[in-house]
Amino acid sequence: MPRRPRLELPGVPLHITHRGVNRAATFLDAEDFTHYRHCLGDALAEQGVALHAYVLMTNHVHLLLTPPAPGRVSAAMRRLGQRYVPAFNRKHGRTGTLWEGRFKSCLVDSEHYLLTVHRYIELNPVRAAMVAAPEHYRWSSVHASLMTLADPIITPHEVYLAWSGTHPAQRAESYREWLRQGINDDELHAIRAHLQQERALGNPRFQAMAEKTLNRPVTVRSRGRPRKPGEPADA
């Protein structure tokens, strides 16, 4: 049975994640991280996809990007795999697949949710207890967000650029404070649930627009069977 097309809309951001097969490592040293980032930048540029935030963990990646048209992200990720995986396998004396199936993707409402996903991605190493602060992790867009290092593969989203005025230093400092606030449990659950089910993360108006445009369900489905009329919620 063919897979259903991804939820994609031109100019609407996507949060994607790709994990190593059986949660195995996809990066073993600094050279691997560097090569992946180089391949990622080239692949996205070829397809005209803008990358706003990313984190490269040891066995998975998170990306926040905006495609100009449906199919461009899949083409870029396919090209990325064609370049990175053979090089990784040759270097480390392995064969076979590296990634766990196809990547997962979630539409993101840029008006209300993009910066929350942006923060979620850059705080990933902190939640994993790898570092005490996001800026202590090398393989992340956080350095570009905080304006401590230039990152040529990053294109800041217009929502980020409008953050706390237009002065870059003021924006970076405001974003630093935003990072320090962290992600609350409701935000964490919503981001993970929408990404796992590959839905549209946003307010009801955004979801209604996406559902009407794509003619497909875009909201997260509850687990388990629907309750029958009159059945108590805790049955």
C-alpha atoms as a PDB file:
ATOM      1  CA  MET A   1       0.000   0.000   0.000  1.00  0.00           C
ATOM      2  CA  PRO A   2       1.564   3.331  -1.014  1.00  0.00           C
ATOM      3  CA  ARG A   3       2.382   5.859   1.672  1.00  0.00           C
ATOM      4  CA  ARG A   4       0.171   8.899   1.937  1.00  0.00           C
ATOM      5  CA  PRO A   5       1.862  12.126   0.826  1.00  0.00           C
ATOM      6  CA  ARG A   6       3.297  14.277   3.568  1.00  0.00           C
ATOM      7  CA  LEU A   7       1.409  17.271   4.897  1.00  0.00           C
ATOM      8  CA  GLU A   8       3.181  20.060   3.023  1.00  0.00           C
ATOM      9  CA  LEU A   9       2.203  23.597   2.066  1.00  0.00           C
ATOM     10  CA  PRO A  10       4.397  26.024   0.115  1.00  0.00           C
ATOM     11  CA  GLY A  11       6.052  28.516   2.434  1.00  0.00           C
ATOM     12  CA  VAL A  12       4.791  26.819   5.614  1.00  0.00           C
ATOM     13  CA  PRO A  13       7.546  25.641   7.994  1.00  0.00           C
ATOM     14  CA  LEU A  14       8.129  21.972   8.730  1.00  0.00           C
ATOM     15  CA  HIS A  15       9.652  20.421  11.830  1.00  0.00           C
ATOM     16  CA  ILE A  16      11.348  17.175  10.879  1.00  0.00           C
ATOM     17  CA  THR A  17      13.285  14.525  12.742  1.00  0.00           C
ATOM     18  CA  HIS A  18      15.334  11.594  11.506  1.00  0.00           C
ATOM     19  CA  ARG A  19      16.611   8.845  13.816  1.00  0.00           C
ATOM     20  CA  GLY A  20      19.321   6.251  13.480  1.00  0.00           C
ATOM     21  CA  VAL A  21      18.162   2.684  12.849  1.00  0.00           C
ATOM     22  CA  ASN A  22      17.522   0.953  16.179  1.00  0.00           C
ATOM     23  CA  ARG A  23      18.555   4.262  17.763  1.00  0.00           C
ATOM     24  CA  ALA A  24      22.162   3.570  16.793  1.00  0.00           C
ATOM     25  CA  ALA A  25      24.666   6.409  16.484  1.00  0.00           C
ATOM     26  CA  THR A  26      24.609   8.406  13.265  1.00  0.00           C
ATOM     27  CA  PHE A  27      27.613  10.534  14.237  1.00  0.00           C
ATOM     28  CA  LEU A  28      30.723   9.090  15.865  1.00  0.00           C
ATOM     29  CA  ASP A  29      33.145  12.004  15.803  1.00  0.00           C
ATOM     30  CA  ALA A  30      33.478  15.679  14.935  1.00  0.00           C
ATOM     31  CA  GLU A  31      34.293  14.868  11.319  1.00  0.00           C
ATOM     32  CA  ASP A  32      30.932  13.087  10.940  1.00  0.00           C
ATOM     33  CA  PHE A  33      29.012  16.059  12.338  1.00  0.00           C
ATOM     34  CA  THR A  34      30.913  18.464  10.102  1.00  0.00           C
ATOM     35  CA  HIS A  35      30.399  16.368   6.979  1.00  0.00           C
ATOM     36  CA  TYR A  36      26.660  15.946   7.650  1.00  0.00           C
ATOM     37  CA  ARG A  37      26.219  19.677   8.167  1.00  0.00           C
ATOM     38  CA  HIS A  38      28.056  20.392   4.914  1.00  0.00           C
ATOM     39  CA  CYS A  39      25.937  17.844   3.006  1.00  0.00           C
ATOM     40  CA  LEU A  40      22.768  19.207   4.612  1.00  0.00           C
ATOM     41  CA  GLY A  41      23.533  22.759   3.548  1.00  0.00           C
ATOM     42  CA  ASP A  42      24.254  21.705  -0.030  1.00  0.00           C
ATOM     43  CA  ALA A  43      21.150  19.504  -0.322  1.00  0.00           C
ATOM     44  CA  LEU A  44      18.798  22.180   1.022  1.00  0.00           C
ATOM     45  CA  ALA A  45      20.350  24.862  -1.197  1.00  0.00           C
ATOM     46  CA  GLU A  46      19.840  22.674  -4.269  1.00  0.00           C
ATOM     47  CA  GLN A  47      16.117  22.502  -3.509  1.00  0.00           C
ATOM     48  CA  GLY A  48      15.696  26.097  -2.354  1.00  0.00           C
ATOM     49  CA  VAL A  49      14.737  25.017   1.180  1.00  0.00           C
ATOM     50  CA  ALA A  50      15.466  27.494   3.986  1.00  0.00           C
ATOM     51  CA  LEU A  51      16.811  26.082   7.263  1.00  0.00           C
ATOM     52  CA  HIS A  52      15.905  28.079  10.388  1.00  0.00           C
ATOM     53  CA  ALA A  53      17.049  25.858  13.265  1.00  0.00           C
ATOM     54  CA  TYR A  54      18.706  22.487  13.759  1.00  0.00           C
ATOM     55  CA  VAL A  55      20.388  20.223  16.254  1.00  0.00           C
ATOM     56  CA  LEU A  56      22.524  17.211  15.415  1.00  0.00           C
ATOM     57  CA  MET A  57      22.360  14.738  18.294  1.00  0.00           C
ATOM     58  CA  THR A  58      24.427  11.559  18.431  1.00  0.00           C
ATOM     59  CA  ASN A  59      21.673   9.332  17.027  1.00  0.00           C
ATOM     60  CA  HIS A  60      19.105  11.691  15.509  1.00  0.00           C
ATOM     61  CA  VAL A  61      18.582  15.164  14.077  1.00  0.00           C
ATOM     62  CA  HIS A  62      15.919  17.857  14.335  1.00  0.00           C
ATOM     63  CA  LEU A  63      15.434  20.448  11.597  1.00  0.00           C
ATOM     64  CA  LEU A  64      13.089  23.424  11.252  1.00  0.00           C
ATOM     65  CA  LEU A  65      12.835  24.493   7.634  1.00  0.00           C
ATOM     66  CA  THR A  66      10.595  26.066   5.024  1.00  0.00           C
ATOM     67  CA  PRO A  67      10.185  24.530   1.554  1.00  0.00           C
ATOM     68  CA  PRO A  68       9.139  26.559  -1.493  1.00  0.00           C
ATOM     69  CA  ALA A  69       6.985  23.698  -2.784  1.00  0.00           C
ATOM     70  CA  PRO A  70       5.815  20.198  -1.777  1.00  0.00           C
ATOM     71  CA  GLY A  71       8.374  17.472  -2.382  1.00  0.00           C
ATOM     72  CA  ARG A  72      11.412  19.709  -2.051  1.00  0.00           C
ATOM     73  CA  VAL A  73      12.260  18.576   1.494  1.00  0.00           C
ATOM     74  CA  SER A  74      11.987  14.899   0.550  1.00  0.00           C
ATOM     75  CA  ALA A  75      14.255  15.499  -2.449  1.00  0.00           C
ATOM     76  CA  ALA A  76      16.790  17.297  -0.272  1.00  0.00           C
ATOM     77  CA  MET A  77      16.775  14.592   2.406  1.00  0.00           C
ATOM     78  CA  ARG A  78      17.158  11.902  -0.241  1.00  0.00           C
ATOM     79  CA  ARG A  79      20.150  13.731  -1.703  1.00  0.00           C
ATOM     80  CA  LEU A  80      21.584  14.194   1.787  1.00  0.00           C
ATOM     81  CA  GLY A  81      21.340  10.461   2.471  1.00  0.00           C
ATOM     82  CA  GLN A  82      22.950   9.601  -0.843  1.00  0.00           C
ATOM     83  CA  ARG A  83      25.983  11.661   0.096  1.00  0.00           C
ATOM     84  CA  TYR A  84      26.272  11.121   3.843  1.00  0.00           C
ATOM     85  CA  VAL A  85      25.450   7.440   4.387  1.00  0.00           C
ATOM     86  CA  PRO A  86      27.971   5.890   1.931  1.00  0.00           C
ATOM     87  CA  ALA A  87      30.726   8.125   3.309  1.00  0.00           C
ATOM     88  CA  PHE A  88      29.802   7.211   6.904  1.00  0.00           C
ATOM     89  CA  ASN A  89      29.729   3.498   6.059  1.00  0.00           C
ATOM     90  CA  ARG A  90      33.089   3.570   4.282  1.00  0.00           C
ATOM     91  CA  LYS A  91      34.728   5.475   7.094  1.00  0.00           C
ATOM     92  CA  HIS A  92      33.424   3.266   9.886  1.00  0.00           C
ATOM     93  CA  GLY A  93      33.556  -0.090   8.105  1.00  0.00           C
ATOM     94  CA  ARG A  94      29.847  -0.793   8.096  1.00  0.00           C
ATOM     95  CA  THR A  95      27.171  -1.597   5.525  1.00  0.00           C
ATOM     96  CA  GLY A  96      23.443  -1.169   5.154  1.00  0.00           C
ATOM     97  CA  THR A  97      20.989   1.469   6.218  1.00  0.00           C
ATOM     98  CA  LEU A  98      21.824   4.162   8.735  1.00  0.00           C
ATOM     99  CA  TRP A  99      18.482   5.895   9.237  1.00  0.00           C
ATOM    100  CA  GLU A 100      15.303   4.420  10.681  1.00  0.00           C
ATOM    101  CA  GLY A 101      12.978   4.543   7.670  1.00  0.00           C
ATOM    102  CA  ARG A 102      11.808   7.875   6.326  1.00  0.00           C
ATOM    103  CA  PHE A 103      11.995  11.032   8.385  1.00  0.00           C
ATOM    104  CA  LYS A 104       8.969  12.337  10.270  1.00  0.00           C
ATOM    105  CA  SER A 105       7.586  15.790   9.549  1.00  0.00           C
ATOM    106  CA  CYS A 106       5.062  18.179  11.061  1.00  0.00           C
ATOM    107  CA  LEU A 107       3.600  21.421   9.714  1.00  0.00           C
ATOM    108  CA  VAL A 108       4.225  24.382  12.033  1.00  0.00           C
ATOM    109  CA  ASP A 109       2.078  27.476  12.412  1.00  0.00           C
ATOM    110  CA  SER A 110       4.641  30.247  11.999  1.00  0.00           C
ATOM    111  CA  GLU A 111       2.464  32.907  13.599  1.00  0.00           C
ATOM    112  CA  HIS A 112       2.135  31.296  17.025  1.00  0.00           C
ATOM    113  CA  TYR A 113       4.239  28.145  17.233  1.00  0.00           C
ATOM    114  CA  LEU A 114       7.434  28.531  15.204  1.00  0.00           C
ATOM    115  CA  LEU A 115       9.542  30.070  17.964  1.00  0.00           C
ATOM    116  CA  THR A 116       8.399  27.406  20.425  1.00  0.00           C
ATOM    117  CA  VAL A 117       9.592  24.676  18.052  1.00  0.00           C
ATOM    118  CA  HIS A 118      12.772  26.695  17.421  1.00  0.00           C
ATOM    119  CA  ARG A 119      13.449  26.690  21.167  1.00  0.00           C
ATOM    120  CA  TYR A 120      12.494  23.029  21.530  1.00  0.00           C
ATOM    121  CA  ILE A 121      15.097  22.061  18.927  1.00  0.00           C
ATOM    122  CA  GLU A 122      17.923  24.115  20.403  1.00  0.00           C
ATOM    123  CA  LEU A 123      17.185  22.907  23.955  1.00  0.00           C
ATOM    124  CA  ASN A 124      17.413  19.244  22.923  1.00  0.00           C
ATOM    125  CA  PRO A 125      20.962  18.731  24.281  1.00  0.00           C
ATOM    126  CA  VAL A 126      19.920  20.253  27.618  1.00  0.00           C
ATOM    127  CA  ARG A 127      16.928  17.911  27.948  1.00  0.00           C
ATOM    128  CA  ALA A 128      19.274  15.012  27.126  1.00  0.00           C
ATOM    129  CA  ALA A 129      21.555  16.150  29.997  1.00  0.00           C
ATOM    130  CA  MET A 130      24.478  16.510  27.601  1.00  0.00           C
ATOM    131  CA  VAL A 131      25.132  20.157  28.492  1.00  0.00           C
ATOM    132  CA  ALA A 132      23.988  22.635  31.114  1.00  0.00           C
ATOM    133  CA  ALA A 133      23.132  25.351  28.590  1.00  0.00           C
ATOM    134  CA  PRO A 134      22.239  25.117  24.879  1.00  0.00           C
ATOM    135  CA  GLU A 135      25.140  27.341  23.817  1.00  0.00           C
ATOM    136  CA  HIS A 136      27.555  24.756  25.252  1.00  0.00           C
ATOM    137  CA  TYR A 137      26.555  22.286  22.529  1.00  0.00           C
ATOM    138  CA  ARG A 138      28.548  22.642  19.338  1.00  0.00           C
ATOM    139  CA  TRP A 139      26.283  21.023  16.731  1.00  0.00           C
ATOM    140  CA  SER A 140      23.299  23.343  16.840  1.00  0.00           C
ATOM    141  CA  SER A 141      21.899  26.501  15.286  1.00  0.00           C
ATOM    142  CA  VAL A 142      21.819  28.119  18.733  1.00  0.00           C
ATOM    143  CA  HIS A 143      25.105  29.907  18.050  1.00  0.00           C
ATOM    144  CA  ALA A 144      23.584  31.656  15.046  1.00  0.00           C
ATOM    145  CA  SER A 145      20.426  32.430  17.029  1.00  0.00           C
ATOM    146  CA  LEU A 146      22.480  34.041  19.795  1.00  0.00           C
ATOM    147  CA  MET A 147      24.795  35.713  17.272  1.00  0.00           C
ATOM    148  CA  THR A 148      27.920  34.188  18.796  1.00  0.00           C
ATOM    149  CA  LEU A 149      28.975  32.427  15.586  1.00  0.00           C
ATOM    150  CA  ALA A 150      28.006  32.767  11.932  1.00  0.00           C
ATOM    151  CA  ASP A 151      26.357  29.696  10.406  1.00  0.00           C
ATOM    152  CA  PRO A 152      26.124  29.775   6.606  1.00  0.00           C
ATOM    153  CA  ILE A 153      23.446  27.093   6.377  1.00  0.00           C
ATOM    154  CA  ILE A 154      20.982  29.088   8.504  1.00  0.00           C
ATOM    155  CA  THR A 155      18.343  31.444   7.100  1.00  0.00           C
ATOM    156  CA  PRO A 156      16.600  33.178  10.024  1.00  0.00           C
ATOM    157  CA  HIS A 157      12.823  33.036   9.784  1.00  0.00           C
ATOM    158  CA  GLU A 158      10.996  36.356   9.537  1.00  0.00           C
ATOM    159  CA  VAL A 159       9.264  35.627  12.868  1.00  0.00           C
ATOM    160  CA  TYR A 160      12.650  35.324  14.557  1.00  0.00           C
ATOM    161  CA  LEU A 161      13.879  38.486  12.804  1.00  0.00           C
ATOM    162  CA  ALA A 162      10.874  40.387  14.164  1.00  0.00           C
ATOM    163  CA  TRP A 163      11.617  39.184  17.715  1.00  0.00           C
ATOM    164  CA  SER A 164      11.860  42.096  20.173  1.00  0.00           C
ATOM    165  CA  GLY A 165      12.459  44.776  17.572  1.00  0.00           C
ATOM    166  CA  THR A 166      14.897  44.829  14.710  1.00  0.00           C
ATOM    167  CA  HIS A 167      18.239  45.500  16.449  1.00  0.00           C
ATOM    168  CA  PRO A 168      20.278  42.253  16.171  1.00  0.00           C
ATOM    169  CA  ALA A 169      21.942  42.473  19.594  1.00  0.00           C
ATOM    170  CA  GLN A 170      18.630  43.179  21.306  1.00  0.00           C
ATOM    171  CA  ARG A 171      17.000  40.304  19.441  1.00  0.00           C
ATOM    172  CA  ALA A 172      19.775  37.876  20.419  1.00  0.00           C
ATOM    173  CA  GLU A 173      19.551  38.848  24.077  1.00  0.00           C
ATOM    174  CA  SER A 174      15.757  38.509  24.084  1.00  0.00           C
ATOM    175  CA  TYR A 175      16.052  35.106  22.472  1.00  0.00           C
ATOM    176  CA  ARG A 176      18.618  34.081  25.115  1.00  0.00           C
ATOM    177  CA  GLU A 177      16.071  34.890  27.818  1.00  0.00           C
ATOM    178  CA  TRP A 178      13.418  32.960  25.874  1.00  0.00           C
ATOM    179  CA  LEU A 179      15.689  29.917  25.847  1.00  0.00           C
ATOM    180  CA  ARG A 180      16.268  30.175  29.595  1.00  0.00           C
ATOM    181  CA  GLN A 181      12.521  29.953  30.197  1.00  0.00           C
ATOM    182  CA  GLY A 182      12.560  26.424  28.802  1.00  0.00           C
ATOM    183  CA  ILE A 183       9.722  24.304  27.431  1.00  0.00           C
ATOM    184  CA  ASN A 184       6.752  23.486  29.640  1.00  0.00           C
ATOM    185  CA  ASP A 185       5.140  20.049  29.712  1.00  0.00           C
ATOM    186  CA  ASP A 186       2.163  21.034  27.562  1.00  0.00           C
ATOM    187  CA  GLU A 187       4.414  22.443  24.839  1.00  0.00           C
ATOM    188  CA  LEU A 188       6.651  19.389  24.991  1.00  0.00           C
ATOM    189  CA  HIS A 189       3.711  17.000  24.656  1.00  0.00           C
ATOM    190  CA  ALA A 190       2.130  18.965  21.797  1.00  0.00           C
ATOM    191  CA  ILE A 191       5.335  19.149  19.774  1.00  0.00           C
ATOM    192  CA  ARG A 192       6.116  15.466  20.227  1.00  0.00           C
ATOM    193  CA  ALA A 193       2.567  14.273  19.545  1.00  0.00           C
ATOM    194  CA  HIS A 194       2.169  16.288  16.351  1.00  0.00           C
ATOM    195  CA  LEU A 195       5.579  15.201  15.103  1.00  0.00           C
ATOM    196  CA  GLN A 196       4.993  11.533  15.910  1.00  0.00           C
ATOM    197  CA  GLN A 197       1.637  11.523  14.095  1.00  0.00           C
ATOM    198  CA  GLU A 198       2.919  13.907  11.387  1.00  0.00           C
ATOM    199  CA  ARG A 199       0.147  16.445  11.808  1.00  0.00           C
ATOM    200  CA  ALA A 200      -0.142  20.251  11.818  1.00  0.00           C
ATOM    201  CA  LEU A 201       0.992  22.007  14.988  1.00  0.00           C
ATOM    202  CA  GLY A 202      -0.876  25.266  15.372  1.00  0.00           C
ATOM    203  CA  ASN A 203      -3.990  27.003  16.572  1.00  0.00           C
ATOM    204  CA  PRO A 204      -7.439  25.824  15.384  1.00  0.00           C
ATOM    205  CA  ARG A 205      -7.590  28.470  12.658  1.00  0.00           C
ATOM    206  CA  PHE A 206      -4.267  27.314  11.178  1.00  0.00           C
ATOM    207  CA  GLN A 207      -5.317  23.665  11.402  1.00  0.00           C
ATOM    208  CA  ALA A 208      -8.654  24.390   9.710  1.00  0.00           C
ATOM    209  CA  MET A 209      -6.832  26.169   6.870  1.00  0.00           C
ATOM    210  CA  ALA A 210      -4.406  23.270   6.435  1.00  0.00           C
ATOM    211  CA  GLU A 211      -7.175  20.679   6.534  1.00  0.00           C
ATOM    212  CA  LYS A 212      -9.271  22.528   3.957  1.00  0.00           C
ATOM    213  CA  THR A 213      -6.296  23.126   1.657  1.00  0.00           C
ATOM    214  CA  LEU A 214      -4.964  19.565   1.844  1.00  0.00           C
ATOM    215  CA  ASN A 215      -8.355  17.843   2.170  1.00  0.00           C
ATOM    216  CA  ARG A 216      -6.908  15.613   4.877  1.00  0.00           C
ATOM    217  CA  PRO A 217      -7.079  15.386   8.688  1.00  0.00           C
ATOM    218  CA  VAL A 218      -4.298  17.419  10.302  1.00  0.00           C
ATOM    219  CA  THR A 219      -5.066  17.221  14.033  1.00  0.00           C
ATOM    220  CA  VAL A 220      -3.629  14.747  16.529  1.00  0.00           C
ATOM    221  CA  ARG A 221      -5.762  11.673  17.089  1.00  0.00           C
ATOM    222  CA  SER A 222      -6.358  10.364  20.585  1.00  0.00           C
ATOM    223  CA  ARG A 223      -5.014   6.916  21.339  1.00  0.00           C
ATOM    224  CA  GLY A 224      -7.432   4.031  21.743  1.00  0.00           C
ATOM    225  CA  ARG A 225     -10.922   3.540  20.439  1.00  0.00           C
ATOM    226  CA  PRO A 226     -13.440   6.402  20.515  1.00  0.00           C
ATOM    227  CA  ARG A 227     -15.779   6.330  23.511  1.00  0.00           C
ATOM    228  CA  LYS A 228     -19.355   5.246  22.905  1.00  0.00           C
ATOM    229  CA  PRO A 229     -22.147   7.728  23.636  1.00  0.00           C
ATOM    230  CA  GLY A 230     -22.769   7.779  27.407  1.00  0.00           C
ATOM    231  CA  GLU A 231     -19.585   5.855  28.224  1.00  0.00           C
ATOM    232  CA  PRO A 232     -17.648   7.434  31.132  1.00  0.00           C
ATOM    233  CA  ALA A 233     -14.273   8.939  30.322  1.00  0.00           C
ATOM    234  CA  ASP A 234     -12.416   6.693  32.770  1.00  0.00           C
ATOM    235  CA  ALA A 235     -13.986   3.426  31.586  1.00  0.00           C
END
